[in-house]
Amino acid sequence: MPLDDERIQLDAFVEEYRSALESTLDGLTEEQARRRLVPSSTTLLGLLKHVTWMQRVWFEECVGGTSRRTLGLVQSPEESFRLTDVDTVASVTAAHRAACATARSMVTDLPLDTVATGHRAGPRTLRWVYLQVLRELAHHCGHADILREQLLDAEGL
């Protein structure tokens, strides 16, 4: 992989972090996935819901040019962590997988130098979008790893 072209490497890293974040929910009950272990409202399930929203913002809004309102997305990152009564491990995971599939299909034929103009903060290249998504995924995988460790330790597992 270190000698593969840039696009192959970016896709591989993004996929690795997408899978890693999903796997932090493996074997957990609904209660465990929703449990708050830190003062903020961050939970393992909330993290997956947030990165689903984040990827939709960068790929569907920024690259695809469809507004958050039209996509039915909440407006702020803080809102994207909030769980509703209907959010389950299965439903949030399914939404994440659907968002990832949509993202893949939207960029499959676009070069990294493509300029995306759909984000409210202005134009940026697809390369920049990939790096931003990778940064966010890696950041939240670290959070999820720590939360899972706390959760399993509290359960004596």
C-alpha atoms as a PDB file:
ATOM      1  CA  MET A   1       0.000   0.000   0.000  1.00  0.00           C
ATOM      2  CA  PRO A   2       2.744   2.607   0.678  1.00  0.00           C
ATOM      3  CA  LEU A   3       3.510   2.674  -3.056  1.00  0.00           C
ATOM      4  CA  ASP A   4      -0.100   2.736  -4.271  1.00  0.00           C
ATOM      5  CA  ASP A   5      -1.368   5.943  -5.799  1.00  0.00           C
ATOM      6  CA  GLU A   6      -2.758   8.646  -3.548  1.00  0.00           C
ATOM      7  CA  ARG A   7      -6.425   7.901  -4.227  1.00  0.00           C
ATOM      8  CA  ILE A   8      -6.065   4.213  -3.379  1.00  0.00           C
ATOM      9  CA  GLN A   9      -4.318   5.141  -0.140  1.00  0.00           C
ATOM     10  CA  LEU A  10      -6.931   7.716   0.844  1.00  0.00           C
ATOM     11  CA  ASP A  11      -9.780   5.307   0.117  1.00  0.00           C
ATOM     12  CA  ALA A  12      -8.060   2.567   2.129  1.00  0.00           C
ATOM     13  CA  PHE A  13      -7.484   4.775   5.170  1.00  0.00           C
ATOM     14  CA  VAL A  14     -11.039   6.141   5.124  1.00  0.00           C
ATOM     15  CA  GLU A  15     -12.465   2.611   4.858  1.00  0.00           C
ATOM     16  CA  GLU A  16     -10.227   1.398   7.684  1.00  0.00           C
ATOM     17  CA  TYR A  17     -11.459   4.120  10.038  1.00  0.00           C
ATOM     18  CA  ARG A  18     -15.089   3.681   9.007  1.00  0.00           C
ATOM     19  CA  SER A  19     -14.869  -0.001   9.916  1.00  0.00           C
ATOM     20  CA  ALA A  20     -12.910   0.659  13.102  1.00  0.00           C
ATOM     21  CA  LEU A  21     -15.537   3.062  14.387  1.00  0.00           C
ATOM     22  CA  GLU A  22     -18.372   0.649  13.635  1.00  0.00           C
ATOM     23  CA  SER A  23     -16.501  -2.174  15.366  1.00  0.00           C
ATOM     24  CA  THR A  24     -16.444  -0.284  18.668  1.00  0.00           C
ATOM     25  CA  LEU A  25     -20.129  -1.216  18.970  1.00  0.00           C
ATOM     26  CA  ASP A  26     -19.510  -4.949  18.467  1.00  0.00           C
ATOM     27  CA  GLY A  27     -21.025  -7.067  21.217  1.00  0.00           C
ATOM     28  CA  LEU A  28     -22.536  -4.149  23.125  1.00  0.00           C
ATOM     29  CA  THR A  29     -26.102  -3.887  24.326  1.00  0.00           C
ATOM     30  CA  GLU A  30     -28.253  -0.927  23.351  1.00  0.00           C
ATOM     31  CA  GLU A  31     -27.820   0.485  26.849  1.00  0.00           C
ATOM     32  CA  GLN A  32     -24.035   0.162  26.698  1.00  0.00           C
ATOM     33  CA  ALA A  33     -23.861   1.810  23.279  1.00  0.00           C
ATOM     34  CA  ARG A  34     -25.917   4.759  24.591  1.00  0.00           C
ATOM     35  CA  ARG A  35     -24.213   5.062  27.992  1.00  0.00           C
ATOM     36  CA  ARG A  36     -22.623   8.413  28.832  1.00  0.00           C
ATOM     37  CA  LEU A  37     -19.193   7.995  30.374  1.00  0.00           C
ATOM     38  CA  VAL A  38     -17.971  11.579  30.064  1.00  0.00           C
ATOM     39  CA  PRO A  39     -19.549  14.914  31.048  1.00  0.00           C
ATOM     40  CA  SER A  40     -20.494  15.694  27.448  1.00  0.00           C
ATOM     41  CA  SER A  41     -23.298  13.863  25.681  1.00  0.00           C
ATOM     42  CA  THR A  42     -20.753  11.799  23.706  1.00  0.00           C
ATOM     43  CA  THR A  43     -21.594   8.097  23.546  1.00  0.00           C
ATOM     44  CA  LEU A  44     -20.366   5.295  21.329  1.00  0.00           C
ATOM     45  CA  LEU A  45     -23.633   5.255  19.394  1.00  0.00           C
ATOM     46  CA  GLY A  46     -23.645   9.058  19.236  1.00  0.00           C
ATOM     47  CA  LEU A  47     -20.151   9.025  17.736  1.00  0.00           C
ATOM     48  CA  LEU A  48     -21.279   6.756  14.911  1.00  0.00           C
ATOM     49  CA  LYS A  49     -24.338   8.944  14.349  1.00  0.00           C
ATOM     50  CA  HIS A  50     -22.097  12.028  14.224  1.00  0.00           C
ATOM     51  CA  VAL A  51     -19.613  10.590  11.716  1.00  0.00           C
ATOM     52  CA  THR A  52     -22.548   9.527   9.550  1.00  0.00           C
ATOM     53  CA  TRP A  53     -23.757  13.141   9.561  1.00  0.00           C
ATOM     54  CA  MET A  54     -20.211  14.436   9.015  1.00  0.00           C
ATOM     55  CA  GLN A  55     -19.677  12.257   5.940  1.00  0.00           C
ATOM     56  CA  ARG A  56     -23.035  13.301   4.508  1.00  0.00           C
ATOM     57  CA  VAL A  57     -22.071  16.960   4.994  1.00  0.00           C
ATOM     58  CA  TRP A  58     -18.725  16.579   3.239  1.00  0.00           C
ATOM     59  CA  PHE A  59     -19.759  14.247   0.446  1.00  0.00           C
ATOM     60  CA  GLU A  60     -23.440  14.977  -0.183  1.00  0.00           C
ATOM     61  CA  GLU A  61     -23.473  18.673   0.693  1.00  0.00           C
ATOM     62  CA  CYS A  62     -19.976  19.843  -0.172  1.00  0.00           C
ATOM     63  CA  VAL A  63     -19.218  17.582  -3.146  1.00  0.00           C
ATOM     64  CA  GLY A  64     -22.787  16.853  -4.242  1.00  0.00           C
ATOM     65  CA  GLY A  65     -24.111  20.370  -3.769  1.00  0.00           C
ATOM     66  CA  THR A  66     -27.293  19.407  -1.878  1.00  0.00           C
ATOM     67  CA  SER A  67     -28.100  21.533   1.173  1.00  0.00           C
ATOM     68  CA  ARG A  68     -28.347  20.106   4.679  1.00  0.00           C
ATOM     69  CA  ARG A  69     -31.973  21.138   4.812  1.00  0.00           C
ATOM     70  CA  THR A  70     -32.778  19.260   1.592  1.00  0.00           C
ATOM     71  CA  LEU A  71     -30.817  16.243   2.884  1.00  0.00           C
ATOM     72  CA  GLY A  72     -32.798  16.348   6.144  1.00  0.00           C
ATOM     73  CA  LEU A  73     -29.641  16.865   8.203  1.00  0.00           C
ATOM     74  CA  VAL A  74     -29.350  18.774  11.456  1.00  0.00           C
ATOM     75  CA  GLN A  75     -27.492  22.034  11.058  1.00  0.00           C
ATOM     76  CA  SER A  76     -24.686  21.734  13.614  1.00  0.00           C
ATOM     77  CA  PRO A  77     -22.126  19.143  14.657  1.00  0.00           C
ATOM     78  CA  GLU A  78     -23.372  19.306  18.269  1.00  0.00           C
ATOM     79  CA  GLU A  79     -26.877  18.296  17.197  1.00  0.00           C
ATOM     80  CA  SER A  80     -25.517  15.374  15.184  1.00  0.00           C
ATOM     81  CA  PHE A  81     -24.404  13.507  18.336  1.00  0.00           C
ATOM     82  CA  ARG A  82     -27.893  13.545  19.875  1.00  0.00           C
ATOM     83  CA  LEU A  83     -29.674  10.229  20.000  1.00  0.00           C
ATOM     84  CA  THR A  84     -33.421   9.880  19.690  1.00  0.00           C
ATOM     85  CA  ASP A  85     -35.605   7.110  21.093  1.00  0.00           C
ATOM     86  CA  VAL A  86     -35.662   5.401  17.691  1.00  0.00           C
ATOM     87  CA  ASP A  87     -31.873   5.285  17.310  1.00  0.00           C
ATOM     88  CA  THR A  88     -30.536   1.763  17.793  1.00  0.00           C
ATOM     89  CA  VAL A  89     -27.199   0.125  17.091  1.00  0.00           C
ATOM     90  CA  ALA A  90     -28.773  -1.494  14.024  1.00  0.00           C
ATOM     91  CA  SER A  91     -30.438   1.672  12.697  1.00  0.00           C
ATOM     92  CA  VAL A  92     -27.438   3.957  13.214  1.00  0.00           C
ATOM     93  CA  THR A  93     -25.083   1.350  11.726  1.00  0.00           C
ATOM     94  CA  ALA A  94     -27.375   0.955   8.707  1.00  0.00           C
ATOM     95  CA  ALA A  95     -27.501   4.736   8.241  1.00  0.00           C
ATOM     96  CA  HIS A  96     -23.706   4.890   8.476  1.00  0.00           C
ATOM     97  CA  ARG A  97     -23.280   2.158   5.879  1.00  0.00           C
ATOM     98  CA  ALA A  98     -25.765   3.862   3.559  1.00  0.00           C
ATOM     99  CA  ALA A  99     -23.947   7.200   3.910  1.00  0.00           C
ATOM    100  CA  CYS A 100     -20.627   5.496   3.158  1.00  0.00           C
ATOM    101  CA  ALA A 101     -22.062   3.797   0.069  1.00  0.00           C
ATOM    102  CA  THR A 102     -23.473   7.101  -1.155  1.00  0.00           C
ATOM    103  CA  ALA A 103     -20.143   8.839  -0.541  1.00  0.00           C
ATOM    104  CA  ARG A 104     -18.259   6.143  -2.467  1.00  0.00           C
ATOM    105  CA  SER A 105     -20.613   6.380  -5.428  1.00  0.00           C
ATOM    106  CA  MET A 106     -20.461  10.182  -5.507  1.00  0.00           C
ATOM    107  CA  VAL A 107     -16.675  10.389  -5.763  1.00  0.00           C
ATOM    108  CA  THR A 108     -15.756   7.227  -7.642  1.00  0.00           C
ATOM    109  CA  ASP A 109     -15.136   8.986 -10.966  1.00  0.00           C
ATOM    110  CA  LEU A 110     -13.940  12.341  -9.634  1.00  0.00           C
ATOM    111  CA  PRO A 111     -10.247  13.256  -9.615  1.00  0.00           C
ATOM    112  CA  LEU A 112      -8.801  14.507  -6.331  1.00  0.00           C
ATOM    113  CA  ASP A 113      -8.299  17.958  -7.863  1.00  0.00           C
ATOM    114  CA  THR A 114     -12.048  18.349  -8.474  1.00  0.00           C
ATOM    115  CA  VAL A 115     -13.261  21.567  -6.860  1.00  0.00           C
ATOM    116  CA  ALA A 116     -16.358  21.065  -4.720  1.00  0.00           C
ATOM    117  CA  THR A 117     -18.465  24.178  -4.234  1.00  0.00           C
ATOM    118  CA  GLY A 118     -21.379  22.991  -2.096  1.00  0.00           C
ATOM    119  CA  HIS A 119     -20.027  23.799   1.370  1.00  0.00           C
ATOM    120  CA  ARG A 120     -21.151  26.978   3.076  1.00  0.00           C
ATOM    121  CA  ALA A 121     -17.530  27.892   3.934  1.00  0.00           C
ATOM    122  CA  GLY A 122     -16.533  27.957   0.269  1.00  0.00           C
ATOM    123  CA  PRO A 123     -14.878  25.807  -2.371  1.00  0.00           C
ATOM    124  CA  ARG A 124     -12.306  23.129  -1.653  1.00  0.00           C
ATOM    125  CA  THR A 125     -10.785  20.224  -3.552  1.00  0.00           C
ATOM    126  CA  LEU A 126     -11.938  16.645  -3.240  1.00  0.00           C
ATOM    127  CA  ARG A 127      -8.457  15.897  -1.845  1.00  0.00           C
ATOM    128  CA  TRP A 128      -9.151  18.384   0.974  1.00  0.00           C
ATOM    129  CA  VAL A 129     -12.544  16.722   1.618  1.00  0.00           C
ATOM    130  CA  TYR A 130     -10.880  13.308   1.885  1.00  0.00           C
ATOM    131  CA  LEU A 131      -8.288  14.650   4.315  1.00  0.00           C
ATOM    132  CA  GLN A 132     -10.961  16.365   6.423  1.00  0.00           C
ATOM    133  CA  VAL A 133     -13.076  13.185   6.563  1.00  0.00           C
ATOM    134  CA  LEU A 134     -10.001  11.123   7.420  1.00  0.00           C
ATOM    135  CA  ARG A 135      -9.056  13.576  10.172  1.00  0.00           C
ATOM    136  CA  GLU A 136     -12.552  13.456  11.663  1.00  0.00           C
ATOM    137  CA  LEU A 137     -12.777   9.655  11.472  1.00  0.00           C
ATOM    138  CA  ALA A 138      -9.373   9.176  13.105  1.00  0.00           C
ATOM    139  CA  HIS A 139     -10.199  11.721  15.811  1.00  0.00           C
ATOM    140  CA  HIS A 140     -13.492  10.052  16.678  1.00  0.00           C
ATOM    141  CA  CYS A 141     -12.034   6.539  16.509  1.00  0.00           C
ATOM    142  CA  GLY A 142      -9.707   7.610  19.317  1.00  0.00           C
ATOM    143  CA  HIS A 143     -12.667   8.842  21.338  1.00  0.00           C
ATOM    144  CA  ALA A 144     -14.552   5.604  20.666  1.00  0.00           C
ATOM    145  CA  ASP A 145     -11.607   3.430  21.673  1.00  0.00           C
ATOM    146  CA  ILE A 146     -11.357   5.214  25.007  1.00  0.00           C
ATOM    147  CA  LEU A 147     -15.112   5.088  25.638  1.00  0.00           C
ATOM    148  CA  ARG A 148     -15.219   1.371  24.831  1.00  0.00           C
ATOM    149  CA  GLU A 149     -12.267   0.731  27.151  1.00  0.00           C
ATOM    150  CA  GLN A 150     -14.022   2.650  29.955  1.00  0.00           C
ATOM    151  CA  LEU A 151     -17.256   0.803  29.329  1.00  0.00           C
ATOM    152  CA  LEU A 152     -15.703  -2.644  29.317  1.00  0.00           C
ATOM    153  CA  ASP A 153     -13.626  -1.824  32.394  1.00  0.00           C
ATOM    154  CA  ALA A 154     -16.749  -0.651  34.250  1.00  0.00           C
ATOM    155  CA  GLU A 155     -18.441  -3.917  33.295  1.00  0.00           C
ATOM    156  CA  GLY A 156     -15.431  -5.913  34.502  1.00  0.00           C
ATOM    157  CA  LEU A 157     -14.814  -7.314  31.005  1.00  0.00           C
END
